[in-house]
């Protein structure tokens, strides 16, 4: 199996990234040292996001995140595509829920990263709060604009 995989890889590899392999080798050796630090960073990011959203957008449902790099936030209404467009004008690039489903599924959800610094998270949540206010007066229809597929 390994020989077949190596043969397949060799035929499709344009070049082996030596620098990345050396960096990975060093990081793998230091896993026991680095993992607790990374866990602490992700916990801090998760807590910062949860607290900021609870304060700025208390109607949103933010589940407790035990693992991963994102929170799957329920907005309470099908508006994530409109919110993403409004947030973009405020310098925040996120992905709307329908990107993760078929035929407009998950329009009520937003995927937000927990791996950002508390300062970045605070700035992003402030922009999301303003963007949410921007779209709150708009009529929401089940028909999404054609450009929503690009988000």
N, C-alpha and C. Protein backbone atom coordinates (compact mmCIF):
# COMPACT_ATOMS: atom_id res chain seq x y z
N UNK A 1 0.83 -1.19 0.00
CA UNK A 1 0.00 0.00 0.00
C UNK A 1 0.88 1.26 0.00
N UNK A 2 1.92 1.25 0.83
CA UNK A 2 2.82 2.41 0.89
C UNK A 2 3.50 2.63 -0.45
N UNK A 3 3.95 1.55 -1.08
CA UNK A 3 4.59 1.69 -2.40
C UNK A 3 3.63 2.27 -3.42
N UNK A 4 2.38 1.82 -3.42
CA UNK A 4 1.39 2.36 -4.36
C UNK A 4 1.14 3.84 -4.09
N UNK A 5 1.03 4.21 -2.81
CA UNK A 5 0.82 5.63 -2.48
C UNK A 5 2.01 6.48 -2.91
N UNK A 6 3.22 5.98 -2.64
CA UNK A 6 4.41 6.72 -3.05
C UNK A 6 4.48 6.86 -4.57
N UNK A 7 4.12 5.80 -5.28
CA UNK A 7 4.12 5.85 -6.74
C UNK A 7 3.10 6.84 -7.26
N UNK A 8 1.94 6.86 -6.66
CA UNK A 8 0.90 7.81 -7.07
C UNK A 8 1.34 9.23 -6.77
N UNK A 9 1.91 9.42 -5.60
CA UNK A 9 2.35 10.76 -5.21
C UNK A 9 3.45 11.25 -6.14
N UNK A 10 4.39 10.41 -6.43
CA UNK A 10 5.52 10.82 -7.27
C UNK A 10 5.06 11.27 -8.65
N UNK A 11 4.00 10.66 -9.16
CA UNK A 11 3.54 11.03 -10.49
C UNK A 11 2.77 12.35 -10.49
N UNK A 12 2.28 12.77 -9.33
CA UNK A 12 1.51 14.02 -9.28
C UNK A 12 2.22 15.15 -8.56
N UNK A 13 3.33 14.84 -7.92
CA UNK A 13 4.08 15.87 -7.19
C UNK A 13 4.86 16.75 -8.15
N UNK A 14 4.71 18.04 -8.00
CA UNK A 14 5.51 18.96 -8.81
C UNK A 14 6.85 19.21 -8.13
N UNK A 15 6.82 19.24 -6.83
CA UNK A 15 8.04 19.45 -6.06
C UNK A 15 7.75 19.24 -4.59
N UNK A 16 8.68 18.64 -3.89
CA UNK A 16 8.49 18.39 -2.48
C UNK A 16 8.92 19.63 -1.70
N UNK A 17 8.04 20.18 -0.86
CA UNK A 17 8.37 21.38 -0.10
C UNK A 17 9.30 21.07 1.07
N UNK A 18 10.58 21.18 0.84
CA UNK A 18 11.58 20.81 1.84
C UNK A 18 11.44 21.66 3.11
N UNK A 19 11.28 22.96 2.96
CA UNK A 19 11.16 23.82 4.13
C UNK A 19 9.98 23.40 5.02
N UNK A 20 8.83 23.13 4.40
CA UNK A 20 7.65 22.73 5.16
C UNK A 20 7.87 21.39 5.85
N UNK A 21 8.58 20.48 5.19
CA UNK A 21 8.87 19.19 5.81
C UNK A 21 9.79 19.36 7.02
N UNK A 22 10.78 20.23 6.90
CA UNK A 22 11.68 20.47 8.02
C UNK A 22 10.96 21.14 9.19
N UNK A 23 10.11 22.08 8.88
CA UNK A 23 9.33 22.75 9.93
C UNK A 23 8.40 21.76 10.62
N UNK A 24 7.75 20.92 9.83
CA UNK A 24 6.84 19.92 10.40
C UNK A 24 7.58 18.93 11.28
N UNK A 25 8.75 18.52 10.85
CA UNK A 25 9.55 17.59 11.64
C UNK A 25 9.86 18.18 13.01
N UNK A 26 10.22 19.45 13.03
CA UNK A 26 10.51 20.13 14.30
C UNK A 26 9.26 20.25 15.16
N UNK A 27 8.14 20.60 14.54
CA UNK A 27 6.89 20.76 15.30
C UNK A 27 6.39 19.43 15.86
N UNK A 28 6.52 18.36 15.09
CA UNK A 28 6.09 17.04 15.58
C UNK A 28 6.92 16.64 16.79
N UNK A 29 8.20 16.92 16.76
CA UNK A 29 9.07 16.60 17.91
C UNK A 29 8.65 17.37 19.15
N UNK A 30 8.06 18.55 18.95
CA UNK A 30 7.71 19.42 20.08
C UNK A 30 6.21 19.38 20.41
N UNK A 31 5.52 18.36 19.93
CA UNK A 31 4.07 18.29 20.13
C UNK A 31 3.69 18.38 21.61
N UNK A 32 4.35 17.62 22.45
CA UNK A 32 4.01 17.61 23.88
C UNK A 32 4.17 18.99 24.50
N UNK A 33 5.11 19.75 24.01
CA UNK A 33 5.36 21.11 24.52
C UNK A 33 4.35 22.11 23.94
N UNK A 34 4.04 21.99 22.65
CA UNK A 34 3.21 22.97 21.96
C UNK A 34 1.71 22.78 22.15
N UNK A 35 1.28 21.53 22.32
CA UNK A 35 -0.14 21.26 22.39
C UNK A 35 -0.85 21.97 23.54
N UNK A 36 -0.33 21.96 24.76
CA UNK A 36 -1.01 22.69 25.84
C UNK A 36 -1.12 24.19 25.56
N UNK A 37 -0.11 24.76 24.92
CA UNK A 37 -0.15 26.18 24.58
C UNK A 37 -1.25 26.44 23.56
N UNK A 38 -1.34 25.57 22.55
CA UNK A 38 -2.37 25.75 21.53
C UNK A 38 -3.76 25.56 22.12
N UNK A 39 -3.92 24.57 23.00
CA UNK A 39 -5.21 24.39 23.67
C UNK A 39 -5.61 25.64 24.44
N UNK A 40 -4.68 26.24 25.14
CA UNK A 40 -4.96 27.46 25.91
C UNK A 40 -5.36 28.61 24.98
N UNK A 41 -4.67 28.72 23.85
CA UNK A 41 -5.01 29.77 22.88
C UNK A 41 -6.43 29.58 22.34
N UNK A 42 -6.77 28.34 22.00
CA UNK A 42 -8.10 28.07 21.46
C UNK A 42 -9.19 28.27 22.52
N UNK A 43 -8.90 27.89 23.77
CA UNK A 43 -9.87 28.14 24.84
C UNK A 43 -10.10 29.62 25.03
N UNK A 44 -9.02 30.40 25.00
CA UNK A 44 -9.13 31.86 25.14
C UNK A 44 -9.93 32.45 23.97
N UNK A 45 -9.68 31.97 22.77
CA UNK A 45 -10.42 32.44 21.60
C UNK A 45 -11.89 32.08 21.68
N UNK A 46 -12.17 30.85 22.10
CA UNK A 46 -13.56 30.41 22.26
C UNK A 46 -14.28 31.26 23.31
N UNK A 47 -13.62 31.47 24.44
CA UNK A 47 -14.24 32.25 25.52
C UNK A 47 -14.44 33.70 25.10
N UNK A 48 -13.48 34.26 24.39
CA UNK A 48 -13.60 35.65 23.93
C UNK A 48 -14.78 35.78 22.97
N UNK A 49 -14.92 34.84 22.04
CA UNK A 49 -16.03 34.89 21.09
C UNK A 49 -17.37 34.73 21.81
N UNK A 50 -17.45 33.75 22.70
CA UNK A 50 -18.70 33.51 23.43
C UNK A 50 -19.11 34.73 24.24
N UNK A 51 -18.16 35.31 24.96
CA UNK A 51 -18.47 36.48 25.80
C UNK A 51 -18.84 37.69 24.96
N UNK A 52 -18.11 37.93 23.88
CA UNK A 52 -18.39 39.09 23.04
C UNK A 52 -19.76 38.97 22.38
N UNK A 53 -20.11 37.78 21.89
CA UNK A 53 -21.41 37.60 21.27
C UNK A 53 -22.54 37.69 22.29
N UNK A 54 -22.32 37.16 23.49
CA UNK A 54 -23.34 37.24 24.53
C UNK A 54 -23.63 38.69 24.89
N UNK A 55 -22.61 39.51 24.86
CA UNK A 55 -22.77 40.92 25.20
C UNK A 55 -23.36 41.72 24.04
N UNK A 56 -22.83 41.54 22.84
CA UNK A 56 -23.21 42.36 21.69
C UNK A 56 -24.47 41.86 20.97
N UNK A 57 -24.64 40.55 20.92
CA UNK A 57 -25.75 39.96 20.16
C UNK A 57 -26.40 38.85 21.00
N UNK A 58 -27.04 39.22 22.09
CA UNK A 58 -27.54 38.22 23.04
C UNK A 58 -28.63 37.32 22.49
N UNK A 59 -29.29 37.68 21.41
CA UNK A 59 -30.34 36.84 20.84
C UNK A 59 -29.78 35.68 20.03
N UNK A 60 -28.51 35.74 19.68
CA UNK A 60 -27.90 34.66 18.94
C UNK A 60 -27.62 33.50 19.89
N UNK A 61 -27.75 32.28 19.39
CA UNK A 61 -27.44 31.11 20.21
C UNK A 61 -26.03 30.62 19.85
N UNK A 62 -25.16 30.65 20.84
CA UNK A 62 -23.78 30.20 20.64
C UNK A 62 -23.58 28.93 21.45
N UNK A 63 -23.43 27.80 20.78
CA UNK A 63 -23.25 26.54 21.51
C UNK A 63 -21.87 26.49 22.17
N UNK A 64 -21.76 25.69 23.21
CA UNK A 64 -20.44 25.50 23.82
C UNK A 64 -19.59 24.66 22.86
N UNK A 65 -18.40 25.12 22.60
CA UNK A 65 -17.49 24.45 21.67
C UNK A 65 -16.45 23.68 22.48
N UNK A 66 -16.46 22.36 22.34
CA UNK A 66 -15.49 21.53 23.05
C UNK A 66 -14.24 21.23 22.22
N UNK A 67 -14.35 21.41 20.92
CA UNK A 67 -13.21 21.13 20.04
C UNK A 67 -13.42 21.77 18.69
N UNK A 68 -12.39 21.77 17.89
CA UNK A 68 -12.48 22.35 16.56
C UNK A 68 -11.98 23.79 16.56
N UNK A 69 -12.22 24.46 15.44
CA UNK A 69 -11.72 25.82 15.26
C UNK A 69 -12.83 26.84 15.04
N UNK A 70 -14.09 26.38 15.05
CA UNK A 70 -15.21 27.29 14.76
C UNK A 70 -16.39 27.00 15.68
N UNK A 71 -17.22 28.03 15.80
CA UNK A 71 -18.52 27.88 16.47
C UNK A 71 -19.59 28.01 15.40
N UNK A 72 -20.61 27.18 15.49
CA UNK A 72 -21.72 27.18 14.54
C UNK A 72 -22.85 27.94 15.23
N UNK A 73 -22.93 29.24 14.96
CA UNK A 73 -23.81 30.15 15.69
C UNK A 73 -25.17 30.25 14.99
N UNK A 74 -26.24 30.12 15.79
CA UNK A 74 -27.60 30.24 15.28
C UNK A 74 -28.05 31.68 15.44
N UNK A 75 -28.37 32.34 14.34
CA UNK A 75 -28.77 33.74 14.34
C UNK A 75 -30.22 33.94 14.77
N UNK A 76 -31.01 32.89 14.75
CA UNK A 76 -32.40 33.01 15.13
C UNK A 76 -33.34 33.33 13.98
N UNK A 77 -32.79 33.65 12.84
CA UNK A 77 -33.59 33.91 11.65
C UNK A 77 -32.71 33.70 10.42
N UNK A 78 -33.30 33.40 9.28
CA UNK A 78 -32.52 33.09 8.07
C UNK A 78 -31.93 34.35 7.43
N UNK A 79 -30.78 34.76 7.92
CA UNK A 79 -30.19 36.01 7.44
C UNK A 79 -28.68 35.96 7.26
N UNK A 80 -28.09 34.78 7.31
CA UNK A 80 -26.62 34.75 7.29
C UNK A 80 -26.02 35.27 5.99
N UNK A 81 -26.66 35.02 4.85
CA UNK A 81 -26.10 35.51 3.59
C UNK A 81 -26.11 37.04 3.55
N UNK A 82 -27.21 37.63 4.00
CA UNK A 82 -27.28 39.09 4.04
C UNK A 82 -26.28 39.66 5.05
N UNK A 83 -26.15 38.98 6.18
CA UNK A 83 -25.21 39.44 7.21
C UNK A 83 -23.77 39.40 6.71
N UNK A 84 -23.42 38.34 6.00
CA UNK A 84 -22.06 38.21 5.48
C UNK A 84 -21.73 39.37 4.53
N UNK A 85 -22.68 39.72 3.69
CA UNK A 85 -22.46 40.84 2.77
C UNK A 85 -22.32 42.16 3.53
N UNK A 86 -23.16 42.37 4.53
CA UNK A 86 -23.08 43.59 5.32
C UNK A 86 -21.79 43.63 6.14
N UNK A 87 -21.36 42.49 6.67
CA UNK A 87 -20.12 42.44 7.45
C UNK A 87 -18.91 42.71 6.56
N UNK A 88 -18.98 42.26 5.32
CA UNK A 88 -17.87 42.48 4.39
C UNK A 88 -17.60 43.97 4.19
N UNK A 89 -18.66 44.77 4.16
CA UNK A 89 -18.48 46.21 3.99
C UNK A 89 -17.82 46.84 5.22
N UNK A 90 -17.82 46.10 6.32
CA UNK A 90 -17.19 46.57 7.55
C UNK A 90 -15.85 45.90 7.81
N UNK A 91 -15.34 45.21 6.79
CA UNK A 91 -14.00 44.62 6.87
C UNK A 91 -13.91 43.25 7.50
N UNK A 92 -15.05 42.57 7.67
CA UNK A 92 -15.04 41.24 8.26
C UNK A 92 -15.44 40.23 7.18
N UNK A 93 -14.57 39.28 6.92
CA UNK A 93 -14.83 38.25 5.91
C UNK A 93 -15.16 36.94 6.60
N UNK A 94 -16.40 36.52 6.48
CA UNK A 94 -16.87 35.27 7.05
C UNK A 94 -17.71 34.56 6.00
N UNK A 95 -18.09 33.33 6.29
CA UNK A 95 -18.84 32.53 5.33
C UNK A 95 -20.24 32.27 5.85
N UNK A 96 -21.22 32.46 5.00
CA UNK A 96 -22.62 32.24 5.36
C UNK A 96 -22.92 30.75 5.51
N UNK A 97 -23.91 30.45 6.31
CA UNK A 97 -24.30 29.07 6.57
C UNK A 97 -24.61 28.23 5.35
N UNK A 98 -25.33 28.77 4.35
CA UNK A 98 -25.67 27.95 3.18
C UNK A 98 -24.46 27.37 2.43
N UNK A 99 -23.31 27.93 2.66
CA UNK A 99 -22.10 27.42 2.01
C UNK A 99 -21.80 25.99 2.47
N UNK A 100 -22.36 25.62 3.62
CA UNK A 100 -22.09 24.32 4.21
C UNK A 100 -23.25 23.34 4.05
N UNK A 101 -24.20 23.68 3.19
CA UNK A 101 -25.35 22.82 2.97
C UNK A 101 -25.83 22.93 1.53
N UNK A 102 -26.97 22.33 1.26
CA UNK A 102 -27.55 22.34 -0.07
C UNK A 102 -28.85 23.12 -0.08
N UNK A 103 -29.12 23.76 -1.20
CA UNK A 103 -30.40 24.43 -1.45
C UNK A 103 -30.81 25.40 -0.35
N UNK A 104 -29.89 26.23 0.11
CA UNK A 104 -30.23 27.25 1.09
C UNK A 104 -30.29 26.76 2.53
N UNK A 105 -29.90 25.53 2.76
CA UNK A 105 -29.88 25.02 4.14
C UNK A 105 -28.89 25.84 4.97
N UNK A 106 -29.15 25.93 6.23
CA UNK A 106 -28.29 26.60 7.21
C UNK A 106 -28.25 28.11 7.06
N UNK A 107 -29.27 28.69 6.47
CA UNK A 107 -29.33 30.14 6.33
C UNK A 107 -29.42 30.83 7.69
N UNK A 108 -29.83 30.10 8.71
CA UNK A 108 -29.92 30.65 10.07
C UNK A 108 -28.58 30.62 10.80
N UNK A 109 -27.57 30.05 10.18
CA UNK A 109 -26.31 29.82 10.88
C UNK A 109 -25.13 30.58 10.28
N UNK A 110 -24.17 30.81 11.14
CA UNK A 110 -22.94 31.47 10.76
C UNK A 110 -21.79 30.68 11.38
N UNK A 111 -20.77 30.45 10.64
CA UNK A 111 -19.60 29.72 11.12
C UNK A 111 -18.55 30.76 11.50
N UNK A 112 -18.26 30.86 12.81
CA UNK A 112 -17.32 31.87 13.30
C UNK A 112 -16.09 31.21 13.91
N UNK A 113 -14.91 31.70 13.57
CA UNK A 113 -13.68 31.10 14.07
C UNK A 113 -13.44 31.41 15.55
N UNK A 114 -12.85 30.43 16.24
CA UNK A 114 -12.45 30.64 17.63
C UNK A 114 -10.93 30.75 17.75
N UNK A 115 -10.24 30.72 16.63
CA UNK A 115 -8.78 30.71 16.66
C UNK A 115 -8.16 32.09 16.46
N UNK A 116 -8.93 33.12 16.65
CA UNK A 116 -8.41 34.49 16.52
C UNK A 116 -8.09 35.04 17.90
N UNK A 117 -7.29 36.08 17.94
CA UNK A 117 -6.96 36.70 19.23
C UNK A 117 -8.19 37.39 19.80
N UNK A 118 -8.23 37.59 21.11
CA UNK A 118 -9.36 38.31 21.70
C UNK A 118 -9.56 39.70 21.08
N UNK A 119 -8.50 40.39 20.73
CA UNK A 119 -8.63 41.72 20.12
C UNK A 119 -9.28 41.62 18.74
N UNK A 120 -8.84 40.66 17.92
CA UNK A 120 -9.44 40.46 16.59
C UNK A 120 -10.91 40.06 16.72
N UNK A 121 -11.18 39.19 17.68
CA UNK A 121 -12.55 38.73 17.90
C UNK A 121 -13.44 39.88 18.31
N UNK A 122 -12.96 40.72 19.21
CA UNK A 122 -13.75 41.87 19.67
C UNK A 122 -14.07 42.81 18.51
N UNK A 123 -13.08 43.09 17.68
CA UNK A 123 -13.29 43.95 16.52
C UNK A 123 -14.30 43.34 15.55
N UNK A 124 -14.18 42.04 15.32
CA UNK A 124 -15.09 41.36 14.40
C UNK A 124 -16.52 41.35 14.94
N UNK A 125 -16.67 41.10 16.23
CA UNK A 125 -18.02 41.08 16.82
C UNK A 125 -18.63 42.47 16.79
N UNK A 126 -17.83 43.50 17.03
CA UNK A 126 -18.35 44.87 16.92
C UNK A 126 -18.88 45.13 15.50
N UNK A 127 -18.12 44.69 14.50
CA UNK A 127 -18.54 44.86 13.11
C UNK A 127 -19.78 44.02 12.81
N UNK A 128 -19.85 42.81 13.34
CA UNK A 128 -21.04 41.98 13.15
C UNK A 128 -22.27 42.61 13.78
N UNK A 129 -22.08 43.21 14.94
CA UNK A 129 -23.21 43.87 15.60
C UNK A 129 -23.74 45.02 14.73
N UNK A 130 -22.85 45.81 14.18
CA UNK A 130 -23.26 46.91 13.30
C UNK A 130 -23.90 46.38 12.02
N UNK A 131 -23.32 45.33 11.46
CA UNK A 131 -23.87 44.74 10.24
C UNK A 131 -25.26 44.14 10.52
N UNK A 132 -25.43 43.53 11.67
CA UNK A 132 -26.72 42.96 12.05
C UNK A 132 -27.77 44.07 12.15
N UNK A 133 -27.38 45.19 12.73
CA UNK A 133 -28.28 46.34 12.80
C UNK A 133 -28.61 46.85 11.39
N UNK A 134 -27.61 46.85 10.52
CA UNK A 134 -27.82 47.31 9.14
C UNK A 134 -28.90 46.50 8.43
N UNK A 135 -28.88 45.19 8.62
CA UNK A 135 -29.82 44.35 7.89
C UNK A 135 -31.13 44.12 8.63
N UNK A 136 -31.20 44.51 9.89
CA UNK A 136 -32.40 44.22 10.67
C UNK A 136 -33.64 44.90 10.12
N UNK A 137 -33.48 46.01 9.46
CA UNK A 137 -34.63 46.69 8.89
C UNK A 137 -35.03 46.18 7.53
N UNK A 138 -34.20 45.32 6.94
CA UNK A 138 -34.49 44.80 5.59
C UNK A 138 -35.48 43.65 5.65
N UNK A 139 -36.31 43.56 4.67
CA UNK A 139 -37.23 42.43 4.57
C UNK A 139 -36.42 41.19 4.18
N UNK A 140 -36.66 40.11 4.87
CA UNK A 140 -35.97 38.86 4.56
C UNK A 140 -36.90 37.97 3.76
N UNK A 141 -36.42 37.50 2.64
CA UNK A 141 -37.23 36.62 1.80
C UNK A 141 -36.51 35.29 1.66
N UNK A 142 -37.26 34.23 1.37
CA UNK A 142 -36.60 32.93 1.19
C UNK A 142 -35.74 32.88 -0.06
N UNK A 143 -35.99 33.80 -1.00
CA UNK A 143 -35.20 33.82 -2.23
C UNK A 143 -33.94 34.63 -2.00
N UNK A 144 -32.82 33.99 -2.14
CA UNK A 144 -31.55 34.68 -1.96
C UNK A 144 -31.12 35.30 -3.27
N UNK A 145 -30.43 36.42 -3.22
CA UNK A 145 -29.93 36.99 -4.46
C UNK A 145 -28.90 36.05 -5.10
N UNK A 146 -28.76 36.15 -6.40
CA UNK A 146 -27.86 35.25 -7.14
C UNK A 146 -26.43 35.32 -6.61
N UNK A 147 -25.99 36.49 -6.15
CA UNK A 147 -24.61 36.61 -5.69
C UNK A 147 -24.37 35.88 -4.37
N UNK A 148 -25.42 35.43 -3.68
CA UNK A 148 -25.24 34.69 -2.42
C UNK A 148 -24.49 33.39 -2.66
N UNK A 149 -24.55 32.83 -3.86
CA UNK A 149 -23.84 31.59 -4.15
C UNK A 149 -22.34 31.78 -4.12
N UNK A 150 -21.87 33.01 -4.25
CA UNK A 150 -20.42 33.27 -4.26
C UNK A 150 -19.86 33.35 -2.86
N UNK A 151 -20.70 33.44 -1.87
CA UNK A 151 -20.25 33.64 -0.49
C UNK A 151 -19.94 32.33 0.15
